[in-house]
Amino acid sequence: MPRRPGRWLVRVGTACFLVGMVFVGIVFLPFFAGSSAQPALAAVGTMLGPLGFLLVLLGIGRQAAANNRAAREASAPSP
């Protein structure tokens, strides 16, 4: 199996993003129920969304760089 750089960043970033979105739902749920109380831990957990998004972007960037490098090596004239 070939090694794919950035793949684990995409997986971890996706998981962080999804967990962060669950926390966003938890933060907004009390407002829909008529209460203004916010769970403090859930407010901190919402930071996982942007962190996960950043990790996914970094992973995609690493994959693109590896693909470009492989394409350059494949198209390079052999001596």
PDB file of N, CA and C in Angstrom:
ATOM      1  N   MET A   1       0.846  -1.176   0.000  1.00  0.00           N
ATOM      2  CA  MET A   1       0.000   0.000   0.000  1.00  0.00           C
ATOM      3  C   MET A   1       0.894   1.243   0.000  1.00  0.00           C
ATOM      4  N   PRO A   2       0.702   2.155  -0.945  1.00  0.00           N
ATOM      5  CA  PRO A   2       1.553   3.346  -0.991  1.00  0.00           C
ATOM      6  C   PRO A   2       1.226   4.305   0.156  1.00  0.00           C
ATOM      7  N   ARG A   3       2.250   4.970   0.615  1.00  0.00           N
ATOM      8  CA  ARG A   3       2.096   5.946   1.690  1.00  0.00           C
ATOM      9  C   ARG A   3       1.483   7.218   1.131  1.00  0.00           C
ATOM     10  N   ARG A   4       0.448   7.720   1.779  1.00  0.00           N
ATOM     11  CA  ARG A   4      -0.232   8.916   1.315  1.00  0.00           C
ATOM     12  C   ARG A   4      -0.079  10.009   2.358  1.00  0.00           C
ATOM     13  N   PRO A   5       0.810  10.982   2.098  1.00  0.00           N
ATOM     14  CA  PRO A   5       1.027  12.048   3.080  1.00  0.00           C
ATOM     15  C   PRO A   5      -0.227  12.891   3.283  1.00  0.00           C
ATOM     16  N   GLY A   6      -0.470  13.270   4.515  1.00  0.00           N
ATOM     17  CA  GLY A   6      -1.591  14.137   4.824  1.00  0.00           C
ATOM     18  C   GLY A   6      -2.896  13.416   5.079  1.00  0.00           C
ATOM     19  N   ARG A   7      -2.919  12.115   4.851  1.00  0.00           N
ATOM     20  CA  ARG A   7      -4.176  11.383   5.005  1.00  0.00           C
ATOM     21  C   ARG A   7      -4.653  11.393   6.460  1.00  0.00           C
ATOM     22  N   TRP A   8      -3.723  11.219   7.388  1.00  0.00           N
ATOM     23  CA  TRP A   8      -4.125  11.201   8.796  1.00  0.00           C
ATOM     24  C   TRP A   8      -4.575  12.587   9.245  1.00  0.00           C
ATOM     25  N   LEU A   9      -4.008  13.644   8.662  1.00  0.00           N
ATOM     26  CA  LEU A   9      -4.462  14.995   8.998  1.00  0.00           C
ATOM     27  C   LEU A   9      -5.912  15.200   8.563  1.00  0.00           C
ATOM     28  N   VAL A  10      -6.252  14.677   7.408  1.00  0.00           N
ATOM     29  CA  VAL A  10      -7.629  14.810   6.915  1.00  0.00           C
ATOM     30  C   VAL A  10      -8.585  14.038   7.825  1.00  0.00           C
ATOM     31  N   ARG A  11      -8.201  12.855   8.221  1.00  0.00           N
ATOM     32  CA  ARG A  11      -9.076  12.046   9.083  1.00  0.00           C
ATOM     33  C   ARG A  11      -9.253  12.678  10.462  1.00  0.00           C
ATOM     34  N   VAL A  12      -8.155  13.092  11.074  1.00  0.00           N
ATOM     35  CA  VAL A  12      -8.233  13.713  12.402  1.00  0.00           C
ATOM     36  C   VAL A  12      -8.977  15.041  12.311  1.00  0.00           C
ATOM     37  N   GLY A  13      -8.705  15.814  11.267  1.00  0.00           N
ATOM     38  CA  GLY A  13      -9.385  17.090  11.085  1.00  0.00           C
ATOM     39  C   GLY A  13     -10.878  16.924  10.885  1.00  0.00           C
ATOM     40  N   THR A  14     -11.272  15.905  10.139  1.00  0.00           N
ATOM     41  CA  THR A  14     -12.694  15.652   9.925  1.00  0.00           C
ATOM     42  C   THR A  14     -13.378  15.291  11.239  1.00  0.00           C
ATOM     43  N   ALA A  15     -12.729  14.459  12.032  1.00  0.00           N
ATOM     44  CA  ALA A  15     -13.298  14.080  13.328  1.00  0.00           C
ATOM     45  C   ALA A  15     -13.423  15.296  14.245  1.00  0.00           C
ATOM     46  N   CYS A  16     -12.380  16.127  14.298  1.00  0.00           N
ATOM     47  CA  CYS A  16     -12.430  17.339  15.130  1.00  0.00           C
ATOM     48  C   CYS A  16     -13.537  18.278  14.663  1.00  0.00           C
ATOM     49  N   PHE A  17     -13.662  18.436  13.354  1.00  0.00           N
ATOM     50  CA  PHE A  17     -14.690  19.320  12.814  1.00  0.00           C
ATOM     51  C   PHE A  17     -16.087  18.826  13.191  1.00  0.00           C
ATOM     52  N   LEU A  18     -16.325  17.531  13.038  1.00  0.00           N
ATOM     53  CA  LEU A  18     -17.643  16.987  13.362  1.00  0.00           C
ATOM     54  C   LEU A  18     -17.962  17.114  14.850  1.00  0.00           C
ATOM     55  N   VAL A  19     -16.980  16.858  15.695  1.00  0.00           N
ATOM     56  CA  VAL A  19     -17.197  17.016  17.139  1.00  0.00           C
ATOM     57  C   VAL A  19     -17.454  18.482  17.469  1.00  0.00           C
ATOM     58  N   GLY A  20     -16.726  19.386  16.831  1.00  0.00           N
ATOM     59  CA  GLY A  20     -16.952  20.812  17.040  1.00  0.00           C
ATOM     60  C   GLY A  20     -18.346  21.239  16.629  1.00  0.00           C
ATOM     61  N   MET A  21     -18.854  20.676  15.533  1.00  0.00           N
ATOM     62  CA  MET A  21     -20.209  21.019  15.094  1.00  0.00           C
ATOM     63  C   MET A  21     -21.255  20.481  16.059  1.00  0.00           C
ATOM     64  N   VAL A  22     -20.999  19.337  16.681  1.00  0.00           N
ATOM     65  CA  VAL A  22     -21.911  18.830  17.714  1.00  0.00           C
ATOM     66  C   VAL A  22     -21.930  19.801  18.891  1.00  0.00           C
ATOM     67  N   PHE A  23     -20.765  20.305  19.275  1.00  0.00           N
ATOM     68  CA  PHE A  23     -20.707  21.279  20.359  1.00  0.00           C
ATOM     69  C   PHE A  23     -21.423  22.577  19.993  1.00  0.00           C
ATOM     70  N   VAL A  24     -21.343  22.984  18.742  1.00  0.00           N
ATOM     71  CA  VAL A  24     -22.080  24.177  18.304  1.00  0.00           C
ATOM     72  C   VAL A  24     -23.576  23.946  18.494  1.00  0.00           C
ATOM     73  N   GLY A  25     -24.036  22.765  18.133  1.00  0.00           N
ATOM     74  CA  GLY A  25     -25.445  22.439  18.362  1.00  0.00           C
ATOM     75  C   GLY A  25     -25.813  22.461  19.832  1.00  0.00           C
ATOM     76  N   ILE A  26     -24.908  21.974  20.684  1.00  0.00           N
ATOM     77  CA  ILE A  26     -25.161  21.967  22.127  1.00  0.00           C
ATOM     78  C   ILE A  26     -25.228  23.396  22.661  1.00  0.00           C
ATOM     79  N   VAL A  27     -24.405  24.284  22.127  1.00  0.00           N
ATOM     80  CA  VAL A  27     -24.410  25.670  22.590  1.00  0.00           C
ATOM     81  C   VAL A  27     -25.705  26.378  22.186  1.00  0.00           C
ATOM     82  N   PHE A  28     -26.192  26.121  20.979  1.00  0.00           N
ATOM     83  CA  PHE A  28     -27.391  26.818  20.509  1.00  0.00           C
ATOM     84  C   PHE A  28     -28.697  26.173  20.964  1.00  0.00           C
ATOM     85  N   LEU A  29     -28.660  24.933  21.401  1.00  0.00           N
ATOM     86  CA  LEU A  29     -29.867  24.236  21.821  1.00  0.00           C
ATOM     87  C   LEU A  29     -30.605  24.946  22.959  1.00  0.00           C
ATOM     88  N   PRO A  30     -29.931  25.447  24.003  1.00  0.00           N
ATOM     89  CA  PRO A  30     -30.671  26.142  25.071  1.00  0.00           C
ATOM     90  C   PRO A  30     -31.418  27.394  24.577  1.00  0.00           C
ATOM     91  N   PHE A  31     -30.896  28.073  23.574  1.00  0.00           N
ATOM     92  CA  PHE A  31     -31.584  29.258  23.065  1.00  0.00           C
ATOM     93  C   PHE A  31     -32.907  28.885  22.401  1.00  0.00           C
ATOM     94  N   PHE A  32     -32.939  27.743  21.716  1.00  0.00           N
ATOM     95  CA  PHE A  32     -34.176  27.294  21.098  1.00  0.00           C
ATOM     96  C   PHE A  32     -35.174  26.793  22.141  1.00  0.00           C
ATOM     97  N   ALA A  33     -34.660  26.367  23.283  1.00  0.00           N
ATOM     98  CA  ALA A  33     -35.527  25.881  24.351  1.00  0.00           C
ATOM     99  C   ALA A  33     -36.042  27.023  25.222  1.00  0.00           C
ATOM    100  N   GLY A  34     -35.577  28.252  24.974  1.00  0.00           N
ATOM    101  CA  GLY A  34     -36.062  29.398  25.735  1.00  0.00           C
ATOM    102  C   GLY A  34     -35.173  29.795  26.899  1.00  0.00           C
ATOM    103  N   SER A  35     -34.060  29.164  27.074  1.00  0.00           N
ATOM    104  CA  SER A  35     -33.146  29.491  28.167  1.00  0.00           C
ATOM    105  C   SER A  35     -31.953  30.257  27.618  1.00  0.00           C
ATOM    106  N   SER A  36     -31.328  31.050  28.472  1.00  0.00           N
ATOM    107  CA  SER A  36     -30.141  31.778  28.027  1.00  0.00           C
ATOM    108  C   SER A  36     -28.869  31.208  28.652  1.00  0.00           C
ATOM    109  N   ALA A  37     -28.987  30.135  29.421  1.00  0.00           N
ATOM    110  CA  ALA A  37     -27.820  29.523  30.062  1.00  0.00           C
ATOM    111  C   ALA A  37     -27.022  28.752  29.022  1.00  0.00           C
ATOM    112  N   GLN A  38     -25.715  28.951  29.061  1.00  0.00           N
ATOM    113  CA  GLN A  38     -24.821  28.253  28.135  1.00  0.00           C
ATOM    114  C   GLN A  38     -23.852  27.384  28.914  1.00  0.00           C
ATOM    115  N   PRO A  39     -23.678  26.142  28.508  1.00  0.00           N
ATOM    116  CA  PRO A  39     -22.652  25.318  29.156  1.00  0.00           C
ATOM    117  C   PRO A  39     -21.259  25.817  28.749  1.00  0.00           C
ATOM    118  N   ALA A  40     -20.431  26.102  29.726  1.00  0.00           N
ATOM    119  CA  ALA A  40     -19.104  26.678  29.449  1.00  0.00           C
ATOM    120  C   ALA A  40     -18.209  25.700  28.692  1.00  0.00           C
ATOM    121  N   LEU A  41     -18.267  24.440  29.040  1.00  0.00           N
ATOM    122  CA  LEU A  41     -17.424  23.457  28.368  1.00  0.00           C
ATOM    123  C   LEU A  41     -17.807  23.321  26.894  1.00  0.00           C
ATOM    124  N   ALA A  42     -19.081  23.425  26.598  1.00  0.00           N
ATOM    125  CA  ALA A  42     -19.528  23.338  25.215  1.00  0.00           C
ATOM    126  C   ALA A  42     -19.036  24.533  24.412  1.00  0.00           C
ATOM    127  N   ALA A  43     -18.968  25.697  25.036  1.00  0.00           N
ATOM    128  CA  ALA A  43     -18.458  26.881  24.344  1.00  0.00           C
ATOM    129  C   ALA A  43     -16.989  26.694  23.983  1.00  0.00           C
ATOM    130  N   VAL A  44     -16.243  26.057  24.846  1.00  0.00           N
ATOM    131  CA  VAL A  44     -14.841  25.768  24.551  1.00  0.00           C
ATOM    132  C   VAL A  44     -14.742  24.693  23.470  1.00  0.00           C
ATOM    133  N   GLY A  45     -15.639  23.727  23.502  1.00  0.00           N
ATOM    134  CA  GLY A  45     -15.637  22.646  22.521  1.00  0.00           C
ATOM    135  C   GLY A  45     -15.932  23.112  21.110  1.00  0.00           C
ATOM    136  N   THR A  46     -16.587  24.264  20.971  1.00  0.00           N
ATOM    137  CA  THR A  46     -16.871  24.776  19.634  1.00  0.00           C
ATOM    138  C   THR A  46     -15.599  25.152  18.889  1.00  0.00           C
ATOM    139  N   MET A  47     -14.506  25.333  19.602  1.00  0.00           N
ATOM    140  CA  MET A  47     -13.230  25.667  18.962  1.00  0.00           C
ATOM    141  C   MET A  47     -12.663  24.481  18.177  1.00  0.00           C
ATOM    142  N   LEU A  48     -13.202  23.296  18.392  1.00  0.00           N
ATOM    143  CA  LEU A  48     -12.744  22.134  17.633  1.00  0.00           C
ATOM    144  C   LEU A  48     -13.157  22.225  16.165  1.00  0.00           C
ATOM    145  N   GLY A  49     -14.240  22.935  15.877  1.00  0.00           N
ATOM    146  CA  GLY A  49     -14.699  23.079  14.496  1.00  0.00           C
ATOM    147  C   GLY A  49     -13.661  23.759  13.618  1.00  0.00           C
ATOM    148  N   PRO A  50     -13.245  24.989  13.964  1.00  0.00           N
ATOM    149  CA  PRO A  50     -12.222  25.644  13.148  1.00  0.00           C
ATOM    150  C   PRO A  50     -10.877  24.921  13.161  1.00  0.00           C
ATOM    151  N   LEU A  51     -10.529  24.313  14.285  1.00  0.00           N
ATOM    152  CA  LEU A  51      -9.276  23.560  14.348  1.00  0.00           C
ATOM    153  C   LEU A  51      -9.325  22.381  13.385  1.00  0.00           C
ATOM    154  N   GLY A  52     -10.434  21.666  13.371  1.00  0.00           N
ATOM    155  CA  GLY A  52     -10.585  20.547  12.447  1.00  0.00           C
ATOM    156  C   GLY A  52     -10.548  21.002  11.003  1.00  0.00           C
ATOM    157  N   PHE A  53     -11.176  22.142  10.710  1.00  0.00           N
ATOM    158  CA  PHE A  53     -11.162  22.680   9.353  1.00  0.00           C
ATOM    159  C   PHE A  53      -9.735  22.995   8.924  1.00  0.00           C
ATOM    160  N   LEU A  54      -8.959  23.582   9.825  1.00  0.00           N
ATOM    161  CA  LEU A  54      -7.562  23.899   9.529  1.00  0.00           C
ATOM    162  C   LEU A  54      -6.747  22.631   9.289  1.00  0.00           C
ATOM    163  N   LEU A  55      -6.969  21.604  10.092  1.00  0.00           N
ATOM    164  CA  LEU A  55      -6.243  20.339   9.909  1.00  0.00           C
ATOM    165  C   LEU A  55      -6.583  19.689   8.575  1.00  0.00           C
ATOM    166  N   VAL A  56      -7.850  19.747   8.187  1.00  0.00           N
ATOM    167  CA  VAL A  56      -8.250  19.184   6.895  1.00  0.00           C
ATOM    168  C   VAL A  56      -7.561  19.941   5.762  1.00  0.00           C
ATOM    169  N   LEU A  57      -7.541  21.261   5.843  1.00  0.00           N
ATOM    170  CA  LEU A  57      -6.879  22.057   4.802  1.00  0.00           C
ATOM    171  C   LEU A  57      -5.389  21.746   4.728  1.00  0.00           C
ATOM    172  N   LEU A  58      -4.737  21.586   5.874  1.00  0.00           N
ATOM    173  CA  LEU A  58      -3.313  21.233   5.881  1.00  0.00           C
ATOM    174  C   LEU A  58      -3.091  19.854   5.268  1.00  0.00           C
ATOM    175  N   GLY A  59      -3.949  18.902   5.585  1.00  0.00           N
ATOM    176  CA  GLY A  59      -3.831  17.563   5.026  1.00  0.00           C
ATOM    177  C   GLY A  59      -4.028  17.552   3.519  1.00  0.00           C
ATOM    178  N   ILE A  60      -5.008  18.314   3.045  1.00  0.00           N
ATOM    179  CA  ILE A  60      -5.236  18.402   1.597  1.00  0.00           C
ATOM    180  C   ILE A  60      -4.048  19.067   0.916  1.00  0.00           C
ATOM    181  N   GLY A  61      -3.475  20.077   1.563  1.00  0.00           N
ATOM    182  CA  GLY A  61      -2.287  20.727   1.008  1.00  0.00           C
ATOM    183  C   GLY A  61      -1.106  19.782   0.911  1.00  0.00           C
ATOM    184  N   ARG A  62      -0.913  18.962   1.935  1.00  0.00           N
ATOM    185  CA  ARG A  62       0.185  17.979   1.890  1.00  0.00           C
ATOM    186  C   ARG A  62      -0.044  16.948   0.800  1.00  0.00           C
ATOM    187  N   GLN A  63      -1.297  16.516   0.626  1.00  0.00           N
ATOM    188  CA  GLN A  63      -1.601  15.550  -0.429  1.00  0.00           C
ATOM    189  C   GLN A  63      -1.362  16.163  -1.807  1.00  0.00           C
ATOM    190  N   ALA A  64      -1.759  17.419  -1.974  1.00  0.00           N
ATOM    191  CA  ALA A  64      -1.558  18.080  -3.264  1.00  0.00           C
ATOM    192  C   ALA A  64      -0.075  18.255  -3.559  1.00  0.00           C
ATOM    193  N   ALA A  65       0.704  18.616  -2.553  1.00  0.00           N
ATOM    194  CA  ALA A  65       2.144  18.774  -2.752  1.00  0.00           C
ATOM    195  C   ALA A  65       2.786  17.440  -3.135  1.00  0.00           C
ATOM    196  N   ALA A  66       2.355  16.372  -2.495  1.00  0.00           N
ATOM    197  CA  ALA A  66       2.896  15.042  -2.826  1.00  0.00           C
ATOM    198  C   ALA A  66       2.508  14.634  -4.242  1.00  0.00           C
ATOM    199  N   ASN A  67       1.280  14.940  -4.642  1.00  0.00           N
ATOM    200  CA  ASN A  67       0.851  14.616  -6.001  1.00  0.00           C
ATOM    201  C   ASN A  67       1.644  15.418  -7.030  1.00  0.00           C
ATOM    202  N   ASN A  68       1.874  16.693  -6.752  1.00  0.00           N
ATOM    203  CA  ASN A  68       2.664  17.520  -7.671  1.00  0.00           C
ATOM    204  C   ASN A  68       4.098  17.016  -7.775  1.00  0.00           C
ATOM    205  N   ARG A  69       4.669  16.637  -6.639  1.00  0.00           N
ATOM    206  CA  ARG A  69       6.032  16.113  -6.624  1.00  0.00           C
ATOM    207  C   ARG A  69       6.124  14.826  -7.438  1.00  0.00           C
ATOM    208  N   ALA A  70       5.141  13.943  -7.268  1.00  0.00           N
ATOM    209  CA  ALA A  70       5.139  12.685  -8.016  1.00  0.00           C
ATOM    210  C   ALA A  70       4.955  12.928  -9.510  1.00  0.00           C
ATOM    211  N   ALA A  71       4.131  13.911  -9.863  1.00  0.00           N
ATOM    212  CA  ALA A  71       3.927  14.212 -11.284  1.00  0.00           C
ATOM    213  C   ALA A  71       5.179  14.794 -11.906  1.00  0.00           C
ATOM    214  N   ARG A  72       5.887  15.651 -11.147  1.00  0.00           N
ATOM    215  CA  ARG A  72       7.151  16.216 -11.668  1.00  0.00           C
ATOM    216  C   ARG A  72       8.192  15.125 -11.859  1.00  0.00           C
ATOM    217  N   GLU A  73       8.259  14.189 -10.909  1.00  0.00           N
ATOM    218  CA  GLU A  73       9.242  13.104 -11.035  1.00  0.00           C
ATOM    219  C   GLU A  73       8.896  12.181 -12.207  1.00  0.00           C
ATOM    220  N   ALA A  74       7.607  11.977 -12.441  1.00  0.00           N
ATOM    221  CA  ALA A  74       7.187  11.097 -13.536  1.00  0.00           C
ATOM    222  C   ALA A  74       7.424  11.741 -14.888  1.00  0.00           C
ATOM    223  N   SER A  75       7.328  13.070 -14.951  1.00  0.00           N
ATOM    224  CA  SER A  75       7.487  13.737 -16.243  1.00  0.00           C
ATOM    225  C   SER A  75       8.916  14.222 -16.485  1.00  0.00           C
ATOM    226  N   ALA A  76       9.779  14.042 -15.507  1.00  0.00           N
ATOM    227  CA  ALA A  76      11.173  14.461 -15.668  1.00  0.00           C
ATOM    228  C   ALA A  76      11.860  13.550 -16.686  1.00  0.00           C
ATOM    229  N   PRO A  77      12.650  14.138 -17.587  1.00  0.00           N
ATOM    230  CA  PRO A  77      13.352  13.305 -18.570  1.00  0.00           C
ATOM    231  C   PRO A  77      14.403  12.427 -17.878  1.00  0.00           C
ATOM    232  N   SER A  78      14.434  11.189 -18.260  1.00  0.00           N
ATOM    233  CA  SER A  78      15.413  10.291 -17.663  1.00  0.00           C
ATOM    234  C   SER A  78      16.713  10.395 -18.425  1.00  0.00           C
ATOM    235  N   PRO A  79      17.850  10.321 -17.716  1.00  0.00           N
ATOM    236  CA  PRO A  79      19.165  10.504 -18.361  1.00  0.00           C
ATOM    237  C   PRO A  79      19.561   9.358 -19.253  1.00  0.00           C
TER     238      PRO A  79
END
